[in-house]
Amino acid sequence: MAYSGMNVAKFETRSHDSPDEVRTPDKSRIEIARLTGATLGRFNFEPGWKWSECIKPVVKTDSCQVAHVGHVVSGALTSE
């Protein structure tokens, strides 16, 4: 998947305290805030979370089909 870059036309701020959308797949809470030209997600995964068990059944793909930039605040995110 090629990365085409991102152009920022204006500075915006949002809080995940009032997200536009909340998704709750198994052992997950995903809070989504939409900005002009970007979507921000705050992910909270419970112990035992695995892509293959918690997300794959929902999205029906072997891996995520979207490019991400991420920052882990607490814990660790590893590949299976």
N, C-alpha and C. Protein backbone atom coordinates (compact mmCIF):
# COMPACT_ATOMS: atom_id res chain seq x y z
N MET A 1 0.85 -1.17 0.00
CA MET A 1 0.00 0.00 0.00
C MET A 1 0.90 1.24 0.00
N ALA A 2 0.70 2.12 -0.93
CA ALA A 2 1.51 3.32 -1.04
C ALA A 2 0.95 4.42 -0.14
N TYR A 3 1.83 5.14 0.50
CA TYR A 3 1.43 6.27 1.33
C TYR A 3 1.50 7.53 0.49
N SER A 4 0.40 8.24 0.39
CA SER A 4 0.33 9.42 -0.48
C SER A 4 0.60 10.72 0.26
N GLY A 5 0.85 10.66 1.55
CA GLY A 5 1.10 11.87 2.32
C GLY A 5 -0.18 12.50 2.82
N MET A 6 -0.05 13.61 3.51
CA MET A 6 -1.21 14.27 4.09
C MET A 6 -0.98 15.77 4.06
N ASN A 7 -1.97 16.51 3.60
CA ASN A 7 -1.91 17.96 3.59
C ASN A 7 -2.84 18.50 4.67
N VAL A 8 -2.32 19.40 5.48
CA VAL A 8 -3.11 19.99 6.55
C VAL A 8 -3.45 21.41 6.14
N ALA A 9 -4.74 21.69 6.01
CA ALA A 9 -5.18 23.03 5.58
C ALA A 9 -5.38 23.98 6.75
N LYS A 10 -5.73 23.44 7.91
CA LYS A 10 -5.93 24.28 9.09
C LYS A 10 -5.65 23.47 10.34
N PHE A 11 -5.33 24.15 11.41
CA PHE A 11 -5.06 23.50 12.69
C PHE A 11 -6.39 23.24 13.38
N GLU A 12 -6.61 22.00 13.81
CA GLU A 12 -7.84 21.63 14.51
C GLU A 12 -7.49 20.84 15.77
N THR A 13 -8.34 20.93 16.75
CA THR A 13 -8.20 20.10 17.95
C THR A 13 -9.54 19.42 18.23
N ARG A 14 -9.45 18.25 18.81
CA ARG A 14 -10.64 17.48 19.21
C ARG A 14 -10.29 16.71 20.46
N SER A 15 -11.29 16.34 21.21
CA SER A 15 -11.10 15.51 22.39
C SER A 15 -11.81 14.19 22.17
N HIS A 16 -11.16 13.11 22.60
CA HIS A 16 -11.83 11.81 22.55
C HIS A 16 -12.85 11.66 23.68
N ASP A 17 -12.95 12.67 24.55
CA ASP A 17 -13.97 12.64 25.60
C ASP A 17 -15.38 12.76 25.02
N SER A 18 -15.49 13.30 23.80
CA SER A 18 -16.78 13.36 23.11
C SER A 18 -16.56 12.90 21.67
N PRO A 19 -16.33 11.59 21.47
CA PRO A 19 -16.03 11.07 20.13
C PRO A 19 -17.23 11.14 19.20
N ASP A 20 -16.94 11.13 17.91
CA ASP A 20 -18.00 11.08 16.90
C ASP A 20 -18.61 9.68 16.82
N GLU A 21 -17.82 8.68 17.15
CA GLU A 21 -18.27 7.28 17.05
C GLU A 21 -17.50 6.44 18.05
N VAL A 22 -18.17 5.43 18.61
CA VAL A 22 -17.52 4.47 19.51
C VAL A 22 -17.82 3.08 18.96
N ARG A 23 -16.77 2.28 18.81
CA ARG A 23 -16.90 0.89 18.38
C ARG A 23 -16.41 0.00 19.51
N THR A 24 -17.12 -1.12 19.72
CA THR A 24 -16.76 -1.99 20.83
C THR A 24 -16.69 -3.46 20.41
N PRO A 25 -15.73 -3.81 19.52
CA PRO A 25 -15.54 -5.23 19.24
C PRO A 25 -15.07 -5.94 20.51
N ASP A 26 -15.01 -7.25 20.49
CA ASP A 26 -14.60 -8.03 21.65
C ASP A 26 -13.28 -7.51 22.23
N LYS A 27 -13.25 -7.30 23.54
CA LYS A 27 -12.07 -6.86 24.29
C LYS A 27 -11.48 -5.56 23.77
N SER A 28 -12.32 -4.69 23.18
CA SER A 28 -11.84 -3.45 22.57
C SER A 28 -12.81 -2.31 22.81
N ARG A 29 -12.27 -1.11 22.87
CA ARG A 29 -13.08 0.11 22.82
C ARG A 29 -12.32 1.07 21.92
N ILE A 30 -12.97 1.51 20.85
CA ILE A 30 -12.35 2.39 19.87
C ILE A 30 -13.19 3.66 19.80
N GLU A 31 -12.57 4.78 20.16
CA GLU A 31 -13.24 6.08 20.14
C GLU A 31 -12.70 6.86 18.94
N ILE A 32 -13.59 7.29 18.06
CA ILE A 32 -13.19 7.92 16.79
C ILE A 32 -13.60 9.39 16.79
N ALA A 33 -12.63 10.24 16.47
CA ALA A 33 -12.87 11.68 16.31
C ALA A 33 -12.46 12.05 14.89
N ARG A 34 -13.35 12.68 14.16
CA ARG A 34 -13.07 13.04 12.77
C ARG A 34 -12.68 14.52 12.67
N LEU A 35 -11.61 14.77 11.92
CA LEU A 35 -11.15 16.11 11.61
C LEU A 35 -11.23 16.29 10.10
N THR A 36 -10.98 17.49 9.61
CA THR A 36 -10.92 17.72 8.17
C THR A 36 -9.72 16.97 7.61
N GLY A 37 -9.95 15.97 6.79
CA GLY A 37 -8.86 15.25 6.15
C GLY A 37 -8.17 14.19 6.99
N ALA A 38 -8.65 13.92 8.21
CA ALA A 38 -8.01 12.91 9.06
C ALA A 38 -9.03 12.32 10.03
N THR A 39 -8.78 11.10 10.43
CA THR A 39 -9.60 10.44 11.44
C THR A 39 -8.67 9.99 12.55
N LEU A 40 -9.00 10.34 13.79
CA LEU A 40 -8.19 9.97 14.94
C LEU A 40 -8.93 8.91 15.75
N GLY A 41 -8.19 7.91 16.19
CA GLY A 41 -8.80 6.86 16.99
C GLY A 41 -8.04 6.65 18.28
N ARG A 42 -8.76 6.50 19.36
CA ARG A 42 -8.16 6.09 20.64
C ARG A 42 -8.61 4.67 20.90
N PHE A 43 -7.63 3.78 21.02
CA PHE A 43 -7.88 2.35 21.16
C PHE A 43 -7.56 1.90 22.58
N ASN A 44 -8.49 1.20 23.19
CA ASN A 44 -8.25 0.57 24.49
C ASN A 44 -8.50 -0.92 24.31
N PHE A 45 -7.46 -1.72 24.55
CA PHE A 45 -7.55 -3.17 24.41
C PHE A 45 -7.43 -3.82 25.78
N GLU A 46 -8.31 -4.76 26.06
CA GLU A 46 -8.28 -5.49 27.32
C GLU A 46 -7.23 -6.59 27.26
N PRO A 47 -6.77 -7.08 28.43
CA PRO A 47 -5.83 -8.20 28.44
C PRO A 47 -6.40 -9.38 27.64
N GLY A 48 -5.54 -10.02 26.87
CA GLY A 48 -5.96 -11.14 26.04
C GLY A 48 -6.43 -10.74 24.65
N TRP A 49 -6.42 -9.43 24.36
CA TRP A 49 -6.85 -8.97 23.03
C TRP A 49 -5.91 -9.52 21.97
N LYS A 50 -6.48 -10.00 20.88
CA LYS A 50 -5.71 -10.45 19.71
C LYS A 50 -6.48 -10.04 18.47
N TRP A 51 -5.74 -9.53 17.48
CA TRP A 51 -6.36 -9.16 16.21
C TRP A 51 -7.18 -10.31 15.67
N SER A 52 -6.57 -11.50 15.64
CA SER A 52 -7.20 -12.66 15.00
C SER A 52 -8.50 -13.07 15.67
N GLU A 53 -8.64 -12.80 16.96
CA GLU A 53 -9.85 -13.21 17.69
C GLU A 53 -10.86 -12.09 17.89
N CYS A 54 -10.39 -10.86 17.97
CA CYS A 54 -11.28 -9.75 18.32
C CYS A 54 -11.68 -8.85 17.15
N ILE A 55 -10.78 -8.67 16.18
CA ILE A 55 -11.06 -7.75 15.07
C ILE A 55 -11.31 -8.48 13.76
N LYS A 56 -10.50 -9.50 13.49
CA LYS A 56 -10.63 -10.23 12.22
C LYS A 56 -12.06 -10.70 11.95
N PRO A 57 -12.79 -11.23 12.95
CA PRO A 57 -14.17 -11.65 12.67
C PRO A 57 -15.10 -10.50 12.27
N VAL A 58 -14.76 -9.29 12.69
CA VAL A 58 -15.59 -8.12 12.36
C VAL A 58 -15.27 -7.60 10.97
N VAL A 59 -13.97 -7.44 10.66
CA VAL A 59 -13.58 -6.85 9.38
C VAL A 59 -13.43 -7.86 8.25
N LYS A 60 -13.29 -9.14 8.63
CA LYS A 60 -13.22 -10.24 7.66
C LYS A 60 -12.03 -10.12 6.70
N THR A 61 -10.88 -9.64 7.21
CA THR A 61 -9.63 -9.61 6.46
C THR A 61 -8.54 -10.18 7.35
N ASP A 62 -7.43 -10.63 6.75
CA ASP A 62 -6.33 -11.22 7.52
C ASP A 62 -5.51 -10.18 8.27
N SER A 63 -5.57 -8.93 7.83
CA SER A 63 -4.87 -7.84 8.50
C SER A 63 -5.63 -6.56 8.25
N CYS A 64 -5.28 -5.51 8.97
CA CYS A 64 -5.94 -4.23 8.77
C CYS A 64 -5.56 -3.69 7.40
N GLN A 65 -6.51 -3.16 6.68
CA GLN A 65 -6.30 -2.67 5.32
C GLN A 65 -6.06 -1.16 5.27
N VAL A 66 -5.89 -0.52 6.43
CA VAL A 66 -5.70 0.92 6.52
C VAL A 66 -4.33 1.21 7.14
N ALA A 67 -3.62 2.20 6.61
CA ALA A 67 -2.34 2.61 7.19
C ALA A 67 -2.58 3.39 8.47
N HIS A 68 -1.75 3.15 9.49
CA HIS A 68 -1.90 3.81 10.79
C HIS A 68 -0.58 4.40 11.25
N VAL A 69 -0.68 5.43 12.05
CA VAL A 69 0.44 5.94 12.84
C VAL A 69 -0.04 5.80 14.27
N GLY A 70 0.77 5.20 15.13
CA GLY A 70 0.28 4.94 16.48
C GLY A 70 1.27 5.32 17.56
N HIS A 71 0.75 5.42 18.77
CA HIS A 71 1.54 5.74 19.95
C HIS A 71 0.95 4.93 21.10
N VAL A 72 1.75 4.09 21.74
CA VAL A 72 1.28 3.29 22.86
C VAL A 72 1.56 4.06 24.15
N VAL A 73 0.52 4.33 24.93
CA VAL A 73 0.67 5.08 26.17
C VAL A 73 1.00 4.16 27.33
N SER A 74 0.40 2.99 27.33
CA SER A 74 0.62 2.06 28.43
C SER A 74 0.54 0.64 27.90
N GLY A 75 1.37 -0.25 28.43
CA GLY A 75 1.36 -1.63 27.99
C GLY A 75 2.24 -1.82 26.77
N ALA A 76 1.96 -2.85 25.99
CA ALA A 76 2.75 -3.16 24.81
C ALA A 76 1.86 -3.73 23.74
N LEU A 77 2.14 -3.41 22.50
CA LEU A 77 1.41 -3.94 21.36
C LEU A 77 2.42 -4.70 20.52
N THR A 78 2.21 -6.00 20.38
CA THR A 78 3.14 -6.84 19.65
C THR A 78 2.41 -7.62 18.58
N SER A 79 3.15 -8.15 17.63
CA SER A 79 2.54 -8.99 16.60
C SER A 79 2.42 -10.41 17.13
N GLU A 80 1.46 -11.17 16.57
CA GLU A 80 1.24 -12.54 17.03
C GLU A 80 2.32 -13.44 16.53
